[in-house]
Amino acid sequence: MAISQKISGFMEKSSWIRKMFEEGIRLKQEFGADNVFDLSLGNPVVEPPEAL
C-alpha cells in the first residue's frame, strides 16, 4: 500500500509541464491528432516555406 500512496502523491504533485503534456494527449483523443498542434521539443515537423 505504501508504494501506491507514494505514486499517488507524485501524480498529485506533478509539474505543470507534465499536466500540459497530458492535456495534449487528451485533446488529441477528443479532437484528433490532425487538429491539435504538438509544440513540444522537436515538433511540429513542418516543411519550411519555399523562399528558404
PDB file of N, CA and C in Angstrom:
ATOM      1  N   MET A   1       0.827  -1.193   0.000  1.00  0.00           N
ATOM      2  CA  MET A   1       0.000   0.000   0.000  1.00  0.00           C
ATOM      3  C   MET A   1       0.871   1.256   0.000  1.00  0.00           C
ATOM      4  N   ALA A   2       2.027   1.210   0.619  1.00  0.00           N
ATOM      5  CA  ALA A   2       2.890   2.395   0.688  1.00  0.00           C
ATOM      6  C   ALA A   2       3.338   2.844  -0.696  1.00  0.00           C
ATOM      7  N   ILE A   3       3.605   1.899  -1.570  1.00  0.00           N
ATOM      8  CA  ILE A   3       4.043   2.264  -2.917  1.00  0.00           C
ATOM      9  C   ILE A   3       2.933   2.987  -3.658  1.00  0.00           C
ATOM     10  N   SER A   4       1.714   2.483  -3.593  1.00  0.00           N
ATOM     11  CA  SER A   4       0.625   3.140  -4.319  1.00  0.00           C
ATOM     12  C   SER A   4       0.351   4.533  -3.763  1.00  0.00           C
ATOM     13  N   GLN A   5       0.485   4.736  -2.452  1.00  0.00           N
ATOM     14  CA  GLN A   5       0.316   6.070  -1.873  1.00  0.00           C
ATOM     15  C   GLN A   5       1.428   6.998  -2.346  1.00  0.00           C
ATOM     16  N   LYS A   6       2.625   6.476  -2.457  1.00  0.00           N
ATOM     17  CA  LYS A   6       3.765   7.271  -2.922  1.00  0.00           C
ATOM     18  C   LYS A   6       3.541   7.705  -4.369  1.00  0.00           C
ATOM     19  N   ILE A   7       3.130   6.783  -5.226  1.00  0.00           N
ATOM     20  CA  ILE A   7       2.860   7.095  -6.628  1.00  0.00           C
ATOM     21  C   ILE A   7       1.713   8.095  -6.723  1.00  0.00           C
ATOM     22  N   SER A   8       0.685   7.895  -5.924  1.00  0.00           N
ATOM     23  CA  SER A   8      -0.449   8.822  -5.912  1.00  0.00           C
ATOM     24  C   SER A   8       0.020  10.233  -5.566  1.00  0.00           C
ATOM     25  N   GLY A   9       0.907  10.345  -4.596  1.00  0.00           N
ATOM     26  CA  GLY A   9       1.464  11.647  -4.225  1.00  0.00           C
ATOM     27  C   GLY A   9       2.232  12.281  -5.365  1.00  0.00           C
ATOM     28  N   PHE A  10       3.017  11.491  -6.080  1.00  0.00           N
ATOM     29  CA  PHE A  10       3.763  12.010  -7.231  1.00  0.00           C
ATOM     30  C   PHE A  10       2.813  12.530  -8.301  1.00  0.00           C
ATOM     31  N   MET A  11       1.739  11.803  -8.540  1.00  0.00           N
ATOM     32  CA  MET A  11       0.791  12.208  -9.572  1.00  0.00           C
ATOM     33  C   MET A  11       0.078  13.506  -9.192  1.00  0.00           C
ATOM     34  N   GLU A  12      -0.254  13.670  -7.928  1.00  0.00           N
ATOM     35  CA  GLU A  12      -0.931  14.884  -7.473  1.00  0.00           C
ATOM     36  C   GLU A  12      -0.009  16.095  -7.520  1.00  0.00           C
ATOM     37  N   LYS A  13       1.277  15.872  -7.325  1.00  0.00           N
ATOM     38  CA  LYS A  13       2.235  16.972  -7.263  1.00  0.00           C
ATOM     39  C   LYS A  13       3.060  17.097  -8.543  1.00  0.00           C
ATOM     40  N   SER A  14       2.556  16.559  -9.637  1.00  0.00           N
ATOM     41  CA  SER A  14       3.317  16.599 -10.880  1.00  0.00           C
ATOM     42  C   SER A  14       3.465  18.031 -11.381  1.00  0.00           C
ATOM     43  N   SER A  15       4.449  18.256 -12.209  1.00  0.00           N
ATOM     44  CA  SER A  15       4.742  19.600 -12.703  1.00  0.00           C
ATOM     45  C   SER A  15       3.696  20.063 -13.716  1.00  0.00           C
ATOM     46  N   TRP A  16       3.648  21.360 -13.941  1.00  0.00           N
ATOM     47  CA  TRP A  16       2.700  21.905 -14.925  1.00  0.00           C
ATOM     48  C   TRP A  16       3.073  21.453 -16.326  1.00  0.00           C
ATOM     49  N   ILE A  17       4.339  21.181 -16.564  1.00  0.00           N
ATOM     50  CA  ILE A  17       4.757  20.694 -17.880  1.00  0.00           C
ATOM     51  C   ILE A  17       4.131  19.318 -18.131  1.00  0.00           C
ATOM     52  N   ARG A  18       4.175  18.458 -17.132  1.00  0.00           N
ATOM     53  CA  ARG A  18       3.568  17.129 -17.246  1.00  0.00           C
ATOM     54  C   ARG A  18       2.064  17.266 -17.476  1.00  0.00           C
ATOM     55  N   LYS A  19       1.422  18.186 -16.755  1.00  0.00           N
ATOM     56  CA  LYS A  19      -0.027  18.372 -16.906  1.00  0.00           C
ATOM     57  C   LYS A  19      -0.368  18.863 -18.316  1.00  0.00           C
ATOM     58  N   MET A  20       0.462  19.742 -18.885  1.00  0.00           N
ATOM     59  CA  MET A  20       0.225  20.224 -20.246  1.00  0.00           C
ATOM     60  C   MET A  20       0.391  19.077 -21.246  1.00  0.00           C
ATOM     61  N   PHE A  21       1.391  18.231 -21.040  1.00  0.00           N
ATOM     62  CA  PHE A  21       1.607  17.070 -21.901  1.00  0.00           C
ATOM     63  C   PHE A  21       0.384  16.148 -21.869  1.00  0.00           C
ATOM     64  N   GLU A  22      -0.117  15.886 -20.654  1.00  0.00           N
ATOM     65  CA  GLU A  22      -1.282  15.019 -20.504  1.00  0.00           C
ATOM     66  C   GLU A  22      -2.528  15.654 -21.123  1.00  0.00           C
ATOM     67  N   GLU A  23      -2.659  16.980 -21.010  1.00  0.00           N
ATOM     68  CA  GLU A  23      -3.791  17.673 -21.625  1.00  0.00           C
ATOM     69  C   GLU A  23      -3.716  17.565 -23.147  1.00  0.00           C
ATOM     70  N   GLY A  24      -2.508  17.645 -23.713  1.00  0.00           N
ATOM     71  CA  GLY A  24      -2.333  17.473 -25.149  1.00  0.00           C
ATOM     72  C   GLY A  24      -2.799  16.101 -25.613  1.00  0.00           C
ATOM     73  N   ILE A  25      -2.478  15.081 -24.858  1.00  0.00           N
ATOM     74  CA  ILE A  25      -2.920  13.722 -25.187  1.00  0.00           C
ATOM     75  C   ILE A  25      -4.440  13.648 -25.150  1.00  0.00           C
ATOM     76  N   ARG A  26      -5.037  14.255 -24.125  1.00  0.00           N
ATOM     77  CA  ARG A  26      -6.493  14.235 -24.005  1.00  0.00           C
ATOM     78  C   ARG A  26      -7.145  14.958 -25.178  1.00  0.00           C
ATOM     79  N   LEU A  27      -6.596  16.114 -25.552  1.00  0.00           N
ATOM     80  CA  LEU A  27      -7.152  16.875 -26.672  1.00  0.00           C
ATOM     81  C   LEU A  27      -7.022  16.115 -27.988  1.00  0.00           C
ATOM     82  N   LYS A  28      -5.902  15.429 -28.191  1.00  0.00           N
ATOM     83  CA  LYS A  28      -5.733  14.626 -29.410  1.00  0.00           C
ATOM     84  C   LYS A  28      -6.771  13.521 -29.478  1.00  0.00           C
ATOM     85  N   GLN A  29      -7.081  12.915 -28.332  1.00  0.00           N
ATOM     86  CA  GLN A  29      -8.099  11.867 -28.304  1.00  0.00           C
ATOM     87  C   GLN A  29      -9.474  12.449 -28.596  1.00  0.00           C
ATOM     88  N   GLU A  30      -9.735  13.650 -28.095  1.00  0.00           N
ATOM     89  CA  GLU A  30     -11.052  14.269 -28.271  1.00  0.00           C
ATOM     90  C   GLU A  30     -11.257  14.829 -29.675  1.00  0.00           C
ATOM     91  N   PHE A  31     -10.231  15.529 -30.213  1.00  0.00           N
ATOM     92  CA  PHE A  31     -10.390  16.242 -31.478  1.00  0.00           C
ATOM     93  C   PHE A  31      -9.623  15.623 -32.647  1.00  0.00           C
ATOM     94  N   GLY A  32      -8.777  14.639 -32.383  1.00  0.00           N
ATOM     95  CA  GLY A  32      -7.970  14.021 -33.428  1.00  0.00           C
ATOM     96  C   GLY A  32      -6.593  14.656 -33.507  1.00  0.00           C
ATOM     97  N   ALA A  33      -5.587  13.847 -33.766  1.00  0.00           N
ATOM     98  CA  ALA A  33      -4.195  14.314 -33.785  1.00  0.00           C
ATOM     99  C   ALA A  33      -3.956  15.377 -34.848  1.00  0.00           C
ATOM    100  N   ASP A  34      -4.703  15.337 -35.961  1.00  0.00           N
ATOM    101  CA  ASP A  34      -4.513  16.331 -37.022  1.00  0.00           C
ATOM    102  C   ASP A  34      -5.011  17.715 -36.627  1.00  0.00           C
ATOM    103  N   ASN A  35      -5.817  17.796 -35.578  1.00  0.00           N
ATOM    104  CA  ASN A  35      -6.412  19.065 -35.165  1.00  0.00           C
ATOM    105  C   ASN A  35      -5.764  19.675 -33.927  1.00  0.00           C
ATOM    106  N   VAL A  36      -4.716  19.023 -33.406  1.00  0.00           N
ATOM    107  CA  VAL A  36      -4.015  19.521 -32.219  1.00  0.00           C
ATOM    108  C   VAL A  36      -2.536  19.622 -32.563  1.00  0.00           C
ATOM    109  N   PHE A  37      -1.959  20.803 -32.416  1.00  0.00           N
ATOM    110  CA  PHE A  37      -0.545  21.004 -32.716  1.00  0.00           C
ATOM    111  C   PHE A  37       0.315  20.576 -31.540  1.00  0.00           C
ATOM    112  N   ASP A  38       1.342  19.800 -31.823  1.00  0.00           N
ATOM    113  CA  ASP A  38       2.307  19.365 -30.814  1.00  0.00           C
ATOM    114  C   ASP A  38       3.503  20.299 -30.899  1.00  0.00           C
ATOM    115  N   LEU A  39       3.629  21.179 -29.921  1.00  0.00           N
ATOM    116  CA  LEU A  39       4.721  22.154 -29.925  1.00  0.00           C
ATOM    117  C   LEU A  39       5.828  21.774 -28.949  1.00  0.00           C
ATOM    118  N   SER A  40       5.884  20.497 -28.575  1.00  0.00           N
ATOM    119  CA  SER A  40       6.941  20.047 -27.684  1.00  0.00           C
ATOM    120  C   SER A  40       8.271  20.033 -28.433  1.00  0.00           C
ATOM    121  N   LEU A  41       9.331  19.802 -27.715  1.00  0.00           N
ATOM    122  CA  LEU A  41      10.673  19.836 -28.279  1.00  0.00           C
ATOM    123  C   LEU A  41      10.771  18.972 -29.531  1.00  0.00           C
ATOM    124  N   GLY A  42      11.203  19.573 -30.624  1.00  0.00           N
ATOM    125  CA  GLY A  42      11.362  18.853 -31.875  1.00  0.00           C
ATOM    126  C   GLY A  42      10.115  18.804 -32.734  1.00  0.00           C
ATOM    127  N   ASN A  43       9.049  19.393 -32.265  1.00  0.00           N
ATOM    128  CA  ASN A  43       7.789  19.393 -33.008  1.00  0.00           C
ATOM    129  C   ASN A  43       7.324  20.829 -33.212  1.00  0.00           C
ATOM    130  N   PRO A  44       6.480  21.150 -34.079  1.00  0.00           N
ATOM    131  CA  PRO A  44       5.941  20.277 -35.092  1.00  0.00           C
ATOM    132  C   PRO A  44       6.936  20.078 -36.227  1.00  0.00           C
ATOM    133  N   VAL A  45       6.770  19.031 -36.962  1.00  0.00           N
ATOM    134  CA  VAL A  45       7.590  18.787 -38.131  1.00  0.00           C
ATOM    135  C   VAL A  45       6.827  19.399 -39.311  1.00  0.00           C
ATOM    136  N   VAL A  46       7.281  20.572 -39.715  1.00  0.00           N
ATOM    137  CA  VAL A  46       6.613  21.311 -40.781  1.00  0.00           C
ATOM    138  C   VAL A  46       7.664  21.679 -41.819  1.00  0.00           C
ATOM    139  N   GLU A  47       7.308  21.506 -43.064  1.00  0.00           N
ATOM    140  CA  GLU A  47       8.230  21.885 -44.137  1.00  0.00           C
ATOM    141  C   GLU A  47       8.431  23.406 -44.124  1.00  0.00           C
ATOM    142  N   PRO A  48       9.663  23.873 -44.378  1.00  0.00           N
ATOM    143  CA  PRO A  48       9.894  25.319 -44.424  1.00  0.00           C
ATOM    144  C   PRO A  48       9.264  25.931 -45.677  1.00  0.00           C
ATOM    145  N   PRO A  49       9.016  27.224 -45.646  1.00  0.00           N
ATOM    146  CA  PRO A  49       8.463  27.880 -46.841  1.00  0.00           C
ATOM    147  C   PRO A  49       9.419  27.752 -48.036  1.00  0.00           C
ATOM    148  N   GLU A  50       8.883  27.820 -49.244  1.00  0.00           N
ATOM    149  CA  GLU A  50       9.714  27.683 -50.446  1.00  0.00           C
ATOM    150  C   GLU A  50      10.817  28.725 -50.509  1.00  0.00           C
ATOM    151  N   ALA A  51      10.568  29.920 -49.960  1.00  0.00           N
ATOM    152  CA  ALA A  51      11.564  31.004 -50.012  1.00  0.00           C
ATOM    153  C   ALA A  51      12.870  30.608 -49.323  1.00  0.00           C
ATOM    154  N   LEU A  52      12.817  29.669 -48.402  1.00  0.00           N
ATOM    155  CA  LEU A  52      14.052  29.241 -47.732  1.00  0.00           C
ATOM    156  C   LEU A  52      14.733  28.181 -48.551  1.00  0.00           C
TER     157      LEU A  52
END
